[in-house]
Amino acid sequence: MTPPKEVPPYVIYGFFLTGLLSSLCFRVLPMANSLWPALFRPIWYVGVIGYCMFFLYRYRITLKRRRTIIGMDLLGKLKAGTLGNDDREAIRYILSSLTVSKEGLNYLIIFVLSVVAIAIDLVMTF
C-alpha cells in the first residue's frame, strides 16, 4: 500500500463551508417556520443535502486515515522501530491531515450557532 495523498485546500474549505451552511440552515428553521413558512422546506433540504455531503466527506477522510494505519501496519512498525520511507510518508500524511482539518473549528461554530439559535427561539417564543 502506498501512502495516500492530501486533498487540496479548496476541497477542505469547500466542505468546511458546506458543513457550516448546513448547520446554519438547521439553526434558522424555527425562525423560518415562524417568519417565512414557505422557506421552511427549501432551507431544510439545503441543510440535509449539505449535511449528507459534509458527513460523507468526513467519513471518507476518517476511513482513509484508518485504512492507512491498518493497511500499512503503522502501529506495529512503530512499536518495532521498523518504519520505512513509505511508512514515514503515511504518518506525515495522517499528521498533516489532522493538522489542516477544520473539524474542531466546525464543531465549535456549530455549538455556538446552536446556542444562539436556542436563545433566539426562546426570545421569539416569549
C-alpha atoms as a PDB file:
ATOM      1  CA  MET A   1       0.000   0.000   0.000  1.00  0.00           C
ATOM      2  CA  THR A   2       1.255   3.461  -0.835  1.00  0.00           C
ATOM      3  CA  PRO A   3       0.636   6.460   1.392  1.00  0.00           C
ATOM      4  CA  PRO A   4      -2.458   8.474   0.398  1.00  0.00           C
ATOM      5  CA  LYS A   5      -2.275  11.989  -0.970  1.00  0.00           C
ATOM      6  CA  GLU A   6      -3.660  15.034   0.763  1.00  0.00           C
ATOM      7  CA  VAL A   7      -6.648  16.867  -0.674  1.00  0.00           C
ATOM      8  CA  PRO A   8      -6.127  20.445  -1.878  1.00  0.00           C
ATOM      9  CA  PRO A   9      -7.034  23.315   0.464  1.00  0.00           C
ATOM     10  CA  TYR A  10     -10.007  24.364  -1.687  1.00  0.00           C
ATOM     11  CA  VAL A  11     -11.609  20.958  -1.036  1.00  0.00           C
ATOM     12  CA  ILE A  12     -11.047  21.299   2.721  1.00  0.00           C
ATOM     13  CA  TYR A  13     -12.514  24.814   2.806  1.00  0.00           C
ATOM     14  CA  GLY A  14     -15.335  23.875   0.433  1.00  0.00           C
ATOM     15  CA  PHE A  15     -16.564  21.090   2.688  1.00  0.00           C
ATOM     16  CA  PHE A  16     -15.965  23.233   5.776  1.00  0.00           C
ATOM     17  CA  LEU A  17     -18.268  25.892   4.327  1.00  0.00           C
ATOM     18  CA  THR A  18     -20.783  23.232   3.255  1.00  0.00           C
ATOM     19  CA  GLY A  19     -20.929  21.954   6.843  1.00  0.00           C
ATOM     20  CA  LEU A  20     -21.338  25.464   8.222  1.00  0.00           C
ATOM     21  CA  LEU A  21     -24.069  26.373   5.730  1.00  0.00           C
ATOM     22  CA  SER A  22     -25.940  23.172   6.588  1.00  0.00           C
ATOM     23  CA  SER A  23     -25.594  23.864  10.284  1.00  0.00           C
ATOM     24  CA  LEU A  24     -26.851  27.394   9.822  1.00  0.00           C
ATOM     25  CA  CYS A  25     -29.848  26.110   7.835  1.00  0.00           C
ATOM     26  CA  PHE A  26     -30.899  23.832  10.665  1.00  0.00           C
ATOM     27  CA  ARG A  27     -30.456  26.563  13.251  1.00  0.00           C
ATOM     28  CA  VAL A  28     -32.700  29.020  11.391  1.00  0.00           C
ATOM     29  CA  LEU A  29     -35.511  26.508  10.791  1.00  0.00           C
ATOM     30  CA  PRO A  30     -37.551  27.513  13.872  1.00  0.00           C
ATOM     31  CA  MET A  31     -37.308  31.177  12.854  1.00  0.00           C
ATOM     32  CA  ALA A  32     -38.148  30.386   9.233  1.00  0.00           C
ATOM     33  CA  ASN A  33     -41.166  28.397  10.364  1.00  0.00           C
ATOM     34  CA  SER A  34     -42.450  31.416  12.289  1.00  0.00           C
ATOM     35  CA  LEU A  35     -41.436  34.234   9.959  1.00  0.00           C
ATOM     36  CA  TRP A  36     -41.256  32.694   6.461  1.00  0.00           C
ATOM     37  CA  PRO A  37     -43.156  29.371   6.437  1.00  0.00           C
ATOM     38  CA  ALA A  38     -42.760  28.977   2.666  1.00  0.00           C
ATOM     39  CA  LEU A  39     -38.971  28.858   3.084  1.00  0.00           C
ATOM     40  CA  PHE A  40     -39.017  26.105   5.705  1.00  0.00           C
ATOM     41  CA  ARG A  41     -38.766  23.156   3.284  1.00  0.00           C
ATOM     42  CA  PRO A  42     -36.150  24.692   0.941  1.00  0.00           C
ATOM     43  CA  ILE A  43     -33.960  25.592   3.931  1.00  0.00           C
ATOM     44  CA  TRP A  44     -34.442  22.099   5.355  1.00  0.00           C
ATOM     45  CA  TYR A  45     -33.437  20.468   2.032  1.00  0.00           C
ATOM     46  CA  VAL A  46     -30.323  22.619   1.735  1.00  0.00           C
ATOM     47  CA  GLY A  47     -29.401  21.645   5.311  1.00  0.00           C
ATOM     48  CA  VAL A  48     -29.994  17.913   4.819  1.00  0.00           C
ATOM     49  CA  ILE A  49     -28.259  17.687   1.438  1.00  0.00           C
ATOM     50  CA  GLY A  50     -25.335  19.747   2.729  1.00  0.00           C
ATOM     51  CA  TYR A  51     -25.011  17.549   5.812  1.00  0.00           C
ATOM     52  CA  CYS A  52     -25.126  14.427   3.644  1.00  0.00           C
ATOM     53  CA  MET A  53     -22.249  15.782   1.544  1.00  0.00           C
ATOM     54  CA  PHE A  54     -20.279  17.022   4.552  1.00  0.00           C
ATOM     55  CA  PHE A  55     -20.588  13.883   6.658  1.00  0.00           C
ATOM     56  CA  LEU A  56     -19.882  11.593   3.700  1.00  0.00           C
ATOM     57  CA  TYR A  57     -16.689  13.591   3.119  1.00  0.00           C
ATOM     58  CA  ARG A  58     -15.746  13.360   6.817  1.00  0.00           C
ATOM     59  CA  TYR A  59     -16.477   9.603   6.781  1.00  0.00           C
ATOM     60  CA  ARG A  60     -14.210   9.144   3.748  1.00  0.00           C
ATOM     61  CA  ILE A  61     -11.380  11.084   5.424  1.00  0.00           C
ATOM     62  CA  THR A  62     -11.675   9.010   8.615  1.00  0.00           C
ATOM     63  CA  LEU A  63     -11.811   5.790   6.595  1.00  0.00           C
ATOM     64  CA  LYS A  64      -8.765   6.857   4.577  1.00  0.00           C
ATOM     65  CA  ARG A  65      -6.748   7.500   7.754  1.00  0.00           C
ATOM     66  CA  ARG A  66      -7.866   4.231   9.328  1.00  0.00           C
ATOM     67  CA  ARG A  67      -7.113   2.182   6.207  1.00  0.00           C
ATOM     68  CA  THR A  68      -3.671   3.746   6.019  1.00  0.00           C
ATOM     69  CA  ILE A  69      -2.867   2.944   9.658  1.00  0.00           C
ATOM     70  CA  ILE A  70      -4.157  -0.645   9.434  1.00  0.00           C
ATOM     71  CA  GLY A  71      -3.191  -1.385   5.832  1.00  0.00           C
ATOM     72  CA  MET A  72       0.390  -0.299   6.353  1.00  0.00           C
ATOM     73  CA  ASP A  73       0.568  -1.741   9.893  1.00  0.00           C
ATOM     74  CA  LEU A  74       1.904   1.574  11.093  1.00  0.00           C
ATOM     75  CA  LEU A  75       1.310   0.897  14.786  1.00  0.00           C
ATOM     76  CA  GLY A  76       3.120  -2.438  14.614  1.00  0.00           C
ATOM     77  CA  LYS A  77       6.026  -0.955  12.684  1.00  0.00           C
ATOM     78  CA  LEU A  78       6.197   1.982  15.064  1.00  0.00           C
ATOM     79  CA  LYS A  79       6.399  -0.362  18.054  1.00  0.00           C
ATOM     80  CA  ALA A  80       9.026  -2.493  16.338  1.00  0.00           C
ATOM     81  CA  GLY A  81      11.006   0.513  15.147  1.00  0.00           C
ATOM     82  CA  THR A  82      10.916  -0.692  11.533  1.00  0.00           C
ATOM     83  CA  LEU A  83       9.396   2.297   9.750  1.00  0.00           C
ATOM     84  CA  GLY A  84      10.355   2.652   6.099  1.00  0.00           C
ATOM     85  CA  ASN A  85      10.132   5.694   3.853  1.00  0.00           C
ATOM     86  CA  ASP A  86       6.555   4.912   2.744  1.00  0.00           C
ATOM     87  CA  ASP A  87       5.578   4.425   6.390  1.00  0.00           C
ATOM     88  CA  ARG A  88       7.042   7.792   7.329  1.00  0.00           C
ATOM     89  CA  GLU A  89       5.193   9.396   4.414  1.00  0.00           C
ATOM     90  CA  ALA A  90       1.939   7.771   5.581  1.00  0.00           C
ATOM     91  CA  ILE A  91       2.453   9.077   9.117  1.00  0.00           C
ATOM     92  CA  ARG A  92       3.272  12.506   7.703  1.00  0.00           C
ATOM     93  CA  TYR A  93       0.009  12.388   5.710  1.00  0.00           C
ATOM     94  CA  ILE A  94      -2.047  11.433   8.784  1.00  0.00           C
ATOM     95  CA  LEU A  95      -0.480  14.107  10.982  1.00  0.00           C
ATOM     96  CA  SER A  96      -0.759  16.737   8.259  1.00  0.00           C
ATOM     97  CA  SER A  97      -4.372  15.745   7.612  1.00  0.00           C
ATOM     98  CA  LEU A  98      -5.212  16.140  11.290  1.00  0.00           C
ATOM     99  CA  THR A  99      -3.383  19.464  11.445  1.00  0.00           C
ATOM    100  CA  VAL A 100      -5.093  21.120   8.462  1.00  0.00           C
ATOM    101  CA  SER A 101      -8.536  19.719   9.261  1.00  0.00           C
ATOM    102  CA  LYS A 102     -11.160  22.314  10.114  1.00  0.00           C
ATOM    103  CA  GLU A 103     -13.121  19.711  12.089  1.00  0.00           C
ATOM    104  CA  GLY A 104     -12.542  21.283  15.517  1.00  0.00           C
ATOM    105  CA  LEU A 105     -13.417  24.777  14.316  1.00  0.00           C
ATOM    106  CA  ASN A 106     -16.512  23.398  12.614  1.00  0.00           C
ATOM    107  CA  TYR A 107     -17.674  21.749  15.847  1.00  0.00           C
ATOM    108  CA  LEU A 108     -17.097  24.968  17.807  1.00  0.00           C
ATOM    109  CA  ILE A 109     -19.046  27.071  15.312  1.00  0.00           C
ATOM    110  CA  ILE A 110     -21.897  24.534  15.227  1.00  0.00           C
ATOM    111  CA  PHE A 111     -22.038  24.665  19.034  1.00  0.00           C
ATOM    112  CA  VAL A 112     -22.125  28.476  19.082  1.00  0.00           C
ATOM    113  CA  LEU A 113     -24.780  28.583  16.344  1.00  0.00           C
ATOM    114  CA  SER A 114     -26.859  26.075  18.302  1.00  0.00           C
ATOM    115  CA  VAL A 115     -26.731  28.164  21.473  1.00  0.00           C
ATOM    116  CA  VAL A 116     -27.612  31.328  19.525  1.00  0.00           C
ATOM    117  CA  ALA A 117     -30.483  29.545  17.737  1.00  0.00           C
ATOM    118  CA  ILE A 118     -31.914  28.296  21.035  1.00  0.00           C
ATOM    119  CA  ALA A 119     -31.634  31.779  22.559  1.00  0.00           C
ATOM    120  CA  ILE A 120     -33.352  33.416  19.568  1.00  0.00           C
ATOM    121  CA  ASP A 121     -36.097  30.800  19.567  1.00  0.00           C
ATOM    122  CA  LEU A 122     -36.711  31.302  23.289  1.00  0.00           C
ATOM    123  CA  VAL A 123     -36.865  35.077  22.832  1.00  0.00           C
ATOM    124  CA  MET A 124     -39.303  34.689  19.918  1.00  0.00           C
ATOM    125  CA  THR A 125     -41.457  32.292  21.935  1.00  0.00           C
ATOM    126  CA  PHE A 126     -41.889  34.513  24.995  1.00  0.00           C
END
